C-alpha cells in the first residue's frame, strides 16, 4: 500500500513556511536539504521539517495541501503546534 504525505518546511528562524506533497517523505526532505527542492525552498533556505500528515490516497493528500496553502499564517502555526509545540525540526523515521 502506498503512503502519501503533506509536509511543512521552515527555515531556522521559522519566518517562512512551505507546504508540499510527496510519495516519499524522507527522500523529499533530503532533496530540499540538498537544494534540489523547489526554487522557493532554495531561495528561503526552507529545509527544516516541522509538520507532516500521512494519507493513503494521493487525491486526499493533494486536497489537503491545497487547503493548507489557503490558510492564514496563524492557522498554519497553530496546526504545527498541535504536534510540535516548540516548532522544532522533526526527525523522519
N, C-alpha and C. Protein backbone atom coordinates (compact mmCIF):
# COMPACT_ATOMS: atom_id res chain seq x y z
N UNK A 1 0.84 -1.18 0.00
CA UNK A 1 0.00 0.00 0.00
C UNK A 1 0.89 1.25 0.00
N UNK A 2 0.54 2.22 -0.81
CA UNK A 2 1.31 3.45 -0.91
C UNK A 2 0.85 4.47 0.12
N UNK A 3 1.81 5.19 0.65
CA UNK A 3 1.51 6.29 1.56
C UNK A 3 1.93 7.59 0.89
N UNK A 4 1.18 8.63 1.15
CA UNK A 4 1.45 9.96 0.62
C UNK A 4 1.47 10.92 1.79
N UNK A 5 2.20 12.00 1.63
CA UNK A 5 2.39 12.93 2.73
C UNK A 5 2.22 14.36 2.27
N UNK A 6 1.63 15.17 3.13
CA UNK A 6 1.78 16.61 3.00
C UNK A 6 2.77 16.99 4.09
N UNK A 7 3.57 18.00 3.83
CA UNK A 7 4.59 18.38 4.81
C UNK A 7 4.76 19.87 4.81
N UNK A 8 5.24 20.37 5.94
CA UNK A 8 5.53 21.79 6.06
C UNK A 8 6.99 21.94 6.45
N UNK A 9 7.68 22.74 5.65
CA UNK A 9 9.09 23.06 5.92
C UNK A 9 9.19 24.50 6.39
N UNK A 10 10.25 24.80 7.12
CA UNK A 10 10.52 26.16 7.53
C UNK A 10 12.02 26.40 7.55
N UNK A 11 12.40 27.65 7.72
CA UNK A 11 13.81 27.99 7.86
C UNK A 11 14.18 27.97 9.34
N UNK A 12 15.43 28.21 9.65
CA UNK A 12 15.88 28.08 11.05
C UNK A 12 15.21 29.09 11.97
N UNK A 13 14.80 30.25 11.45
CA UNK A 13 14.16 31.28 12.27
C UNK A 13 12.63 31.16 12.29
N UNK A 14 12.10 30.18 11.54
CA UNK A 14 10.65 29.92 11.47
C UNK A 14 9.87 31.14 10.97
N UNK A 15 10.47 31.86 10.02
CA UNK A 15 9.81 33.05 9.47
C UNK A 15 9.03 32.77 8.19
N UNK A 16 9.37 31.69 7.51
CA UNK A 16 8.72 31.34 6.25
C UNK A 16 8.37 29.86 6.27
N UNK A 17 7.23 29.53 5.65
CA UNK A 17 6.78 28.14 5.61
C UNK A 17 6.49 27.72 4.18
N UNK A 18 6.69 26.45 3.91
CA UNK A 18 6.41 25.87 2.60
C UNK A 18 5.62 24.59 2.80
N UNK A 19 4.56 24.41 2.02
CA UNK A 19 3.74 23.21 2.09
C UNK A 19 3.89 22.44 0.80
N UNK A 20 4.18 21.14 0.92
CA UNK A 20 4.34 20.30 -0.26
C UNK A 20 3.66 18.96 -0.06
N UNK A 21 3.63 18.17 -1.14
CA UNK A 21 3.06 16.83 -1.10
C UNK A 21 4.06 15.89 -1.77
N UNK A 22 4.17 14.67 -1.25
CA UNK A 22 5.14 13.72 -1.79
C UNK A 22 4.71 12.29 -1.50
N UNK A 23 5.30 11.39 -2.24
CA UNK A 23 5.09 9.96 -2.02
C UNK A 23 6.17 9.39 -1.08
N UNK A 24 7.34 10.00 -1.09
CA UNK A 24 8.47 9.51 -0.30
C UNK A 24 9.01 10.66 0.54
N UNK A 25 8.54 10.77 1.77
CA UNK A 25 8.86 11.92 2.61
C UNK A 25 10.36 12.05 2.89
N UNK A 26 10.99 10.98 3.28
CA UNK A 26 12.42 11.04 3.61
C UNK A 26 13.24 11.54 2.43
N UNK A 27 13.01 10.97 1.27
CA UNK A 27 13.76 11.39 0.07
C UNK A 27 13.50 12.86 -0.26
N UNK A 28 12.25 13.27 -0.12
CA UNK A 28 11.91 14.66 -0.46
C UNK A 28 12.58 15.65 0.48
N UNK A 29 12.65 15.32 1.75
CA UNK A 29 13.30 16.21 2.71
C UNK A 29 14.80 16.28 2.43
N UNK A 30 15.40 15.15 2.10
CA UNK A 30 16.82 15.13 1.72
C UNK A 30 17.03 16.00 0.48
N UNK A 31 16.12 15.90 -0.49
CA UNK A 31 16.22 16.74 -1.69
C UNK A 31 16.22 18.22 -1.32
N UNK A 32 15.28 18.62 -0.47
CA UNK A 32 15.21 20.03 -0.05
C UNK A 32 16.49 20.43 0.69
N UNK A 33 16.99 19.57 1.54
CA UNK A 33 18.21 19.86 2.30
C UNK A 33 19.40 20.06 1.37
N UNK A 34 19.41 19.33 0.26
CA UNK A 34 20.50 19.43 -0.72
C UNK A 34 20.20 20.42 -1.84
N UNK A 35 19.26 21.34 -1.59
CA UNK A 35 18.88 22.37 -2.56
C UNK A 35 18.41 21.81 -3.89
N UNK A 36 17.76 20.64 -3.84
CA UNK A 36 17.19 20.05 -5.04
C UNK A 36 15.67 20.09 -5.00
N UNK A 37 15.12 20.85 -4.05
CA UNK A 37 13.68 21.02 -3.96
C UNK A 37 13.24 22.14 -4.88
N UNK A 38 12.20 22.82 -4.50
CA UNK A 38 11.68 23.91 -5.32
C UNK A 38 12.59 25.13 -5.25
N UNK A 39 12.42 26.03 -6.18
CA UNK A 39 13.17 27.29 -6.19
C UNK A 39 12.84 28.09 -4.93
N UNK A 40 11.58 28.06 -4.52
CA UNK A 40 11.15 28.79 -3.33
C UNK A 40 11.87 28.29 -2.08
N UNK A 41 11.92 26.98 -1.90
CA UNK A 41 12.58 26.44 -0.71
C UNK A 41 14.08 26.73 -0.72
N UNK A 42 14.67 26.71 -1.89
CA UNK A 42 16.10 27.02 -2.00
C UNK A 42 16.34 28.50 -1.67
N UNK A 43 15.53 29.37 -2.23
CA UNK A 43 15.69 30.81 -2.02
C UNK A 43 15.59 31.19 -0.55
N UNK A 44 14.64 30.59 0.17
CA UNK A 44 14.40 30.95 1.57
C UNK A 44 15.00 29.95 2.56
N UNK A 45 15.82 29.03 2.06
CA UNK A 45 16.53 28.04 2.88
C UNK A 45 15.56 27.28 3.79
N UNK A 46 14.50 26.75 3.18
CA UNK A 46 13.48 26.01 3.91
C UNK A 46 13.83 24.53 3.89
N UNK A 47 14.50 24.08 4.92
CA UNK A 47 14.98 22.69 4.97
C UNK A 47 14.51 21.94 6.22
N UNK A 48 13.89 22.64 7.17
CA UNK A 48 13.51 22.01 8.43
C UNK A 48 12.06 21.52 8.37
N UNK A 49 11.89 20.22 8.53
CA UNK A 49 10.55 19.63 8.57
C UNK A 49 9.94 19.94 9.94
N UNK A 50 8.79 20.62 9.95
CA UNK A 50 8.15 20.97 11.21
C UNK A 50 6.78 20.30 11.38
N UNK A 51 6.25 19.73 10.28
CA UNK A 51 4.91 19.12 10.35
C UNK A 51 4.72 18.21 9.14
N UNK A 52 3.96 17.13 9.34
CA UNK A 52 3.53 16.31 8.22
C UNK A 52 2.30 15.51 8.58
N UNK A 53 1.55 15.14 7.56
CA UNK A 53 0.39 14.27 7.69
C UNK A 53 0.52 13.16 6.66
N UNK A 54 0.01 11.99 6.99
CA UNK A 54 0.09 10.83 6.11
C UNK A 54 -1.29 10.49 5.54
N UNK A 55 -1.33 10.09 4.28
CA UNK A 55 -2.57 9.74 3.59
C UNK A 55 -2.37 8.45 2.80
N UNK A 56 -3.44 7.72 2.60
CA UNK A 56 -3.41 6.52 1.77
C UNK A 56 -3.80 6.83 0.33
N UNK A 57 -4.44 7.97 0.12
CA UNK A 57 -4.95 8.35 -1.20
C UNK A 57 -4.29 9.65 -1.65
N UNK A 58 -3.64 9.63 -2.80
CA UNK A 58 -2.95 10.82 -3.30
C UNK A 58 -3.90 11.99 -3.49
N UNK A 59 -5.13 11.70 -3.90
CA UNK A 59 -6.09 12.79 -4.12
C UNK A 59 -6.43 13.49 -2.81
N UNK A 60 -6.54 12.75 -1.72
CA UNK A 60 -6.80 13.34 -0.42
C UNK A 60 -5.60 14.19 0.03
N UNK A 61 -4.40 13.70 -0.23
CA UNK A 61 -3.19 14.46 0.12
C UNK A 61 -3.14 15.77 -0.65
N UNK A 62 -3.45 15.72 -1.93
CA UNK A 62 -3.43 16.94 -2.75
C UNK A 62 -4.49 17.93 -2.28
N UNK A 63 -5.67 17.43 -1.97
CA UNK A 63 -6.73 18.31 -1.45
C UNK A 63 -6.30 18.99 -0.16
N UNK A 64 -5.67 18.22 0.72
CA UNK A 64 -5.21 18.78 2.00
C UNK A 64 -4.12 19.83 1.77
N UNK A 65 -3.21 19.55 0.85
CA UNK A 65 -2.15 20.51 0.53
C UNK A 65 -2.77 21.83 0.06
N UNK A 66 -3.72 21.74 -0.85
CA UNK A 66 -4.37 22.95 -1.37
C UNK A 66 -5.11 23.69 -0.27
N UNK A 67 -5.77 22.94 0.62
CA UNK A 67 -6.48 23.55 1.73
C UNK A 67 -5.52 24.34 2.61
N UNK A 68 -4.42 23.70 3.00
CA UNK A 68 -3.47 24.35 3.90
C UNK A 68 -2.79 25.56 3.26
N UNK A 69 -2.56 25.49 1.96
CA UNK A 69 -1.93 26.62 1.27
C UNK A 69 -2.82 27.87 1.29
N UNK A 70 -4.11 27.68 1.47
CA UNK A 70 -5.04 28.81 1.53
C UNK A 70 -5.25 29.32 2.95
N UNK A 71 -4.68 28.66 3.93
CA UNK A 71 -4.84 29.08 5.32
C UNK A 71 -4.00 30.31 5.63
N UNK A 72 -4.44 31.04 6.64
CA UNK A 72 -3.66 32.16 7.17
C UNK A 72 -2.44 31.62 7.90
N UNK A 73 -1.43 32.43 8.00
CA UNK A 73 -0.18 32.03 8.66
C UNK A 73 -0.42 31.54 10.10
N UNK A 74 -1.23 32.27 10.85
CA UNK A 74 -1.51 31.89 12.24
C UNK A 74 -2.15 30.51 12.31
N UNK A 75 -3.05 30.21 11.40
CA UNK A 75 -3.70 28.90 11.39
C UNK A 75 -2.68 27.80 11.16
N UNK A 76 -1.74 28.06 10.23
CA UNK A 76 -0.69 27.07 9.95
C UNK A 76 0.18 26.84 11.18
N UNK A 77 0.57 27.91 11.84
CA UNK A 77 1.41 27.78 13.04
C UNK A 77 0.64 27.04 14.13
N UNK A 78 -0.62 27.36 14.31
CA UNK A 78 -1.44 26.66 15.31
C UNK A 78 -1.53 25.17 14.99
N UNK A 79 -1.67 24.83 13.72
CA UNK A 79 -1.71 23.42 13.30
C UNK A 79 -0.39 22.73 13.62
N UNK A 80 0.71 23.36 13.27
CA UNK A 80 2.03 22.79 13.55
C UNK A 80 2.19 22.54 15.04
N UNK A 81 1.76 23.49 15.85
CA UNK A 81 1.91 23.39 17.30
C UNK A 81 1.08 22.25 17.91
N UNK A 82 0.09 21.73 17.19
CA UNK A 82 -0.70 20.62 17.73
C UNK A 82 0.15 19.37 17.92
N UNK A 83 1.18 19.20 17.07
CA UNK A 83 2.07 18.04 17.22
C UNK A 83 3.51 18.43 17.52
N UNK A 84 3.81 19.71 17.37
CA UNK A 84 5.18 20.19 17.52
C UNK A 84 5.14 21.55 18.23
N UNK A 85 4.85 21.57 19.52
CA UNK A 85 4.62 22.82 20.25
C UNK A 85 5.75 23.84 20.18
N UNK A 86 6.98 23.38 20.06
CA UNK A 86 8.12 24.30 20.04
C UNK A 86 8.66 24.55 18.64
N UNK A 87 7.94 24.09 17.63
CA UNK A 87 8.35 24.26 16.23
C UNK A 87 9.76 23.74 15.98
N UNK A 88 10.07 22.62 16.59
CA UNK A 88 11.39 22.01 16.41
C UNK A 88 11.45 21.25 15.09
N UNK A 89 12.65 21.01 14.61
CA UNK A 89 12.83 20.21 13.41
C UNK A 89 12.52 18.76 13.74
N UNK A 90 11.64 18.16 12.97
CA UNK A 90 11.23 16.78 13.21
C UNK A 90 12.20 15.82 12.53
N UNK A 91 12.42 14.71 13.17
CA UNK A 91 13.22 13.63 12.60
C UNK A 91 12.28 12.67 11.88
N UNK A 92 12.69 12.18 10.75
CA UNK A 92 11.90 11.21 9.99
C UNK A 92 12.43 9.83 10.29
N UNK A 93 11.56 8.95 10.68
CA UNK A 93 11.98 7.58 10.99
C UNK A 93 11.73 6.69 9.80
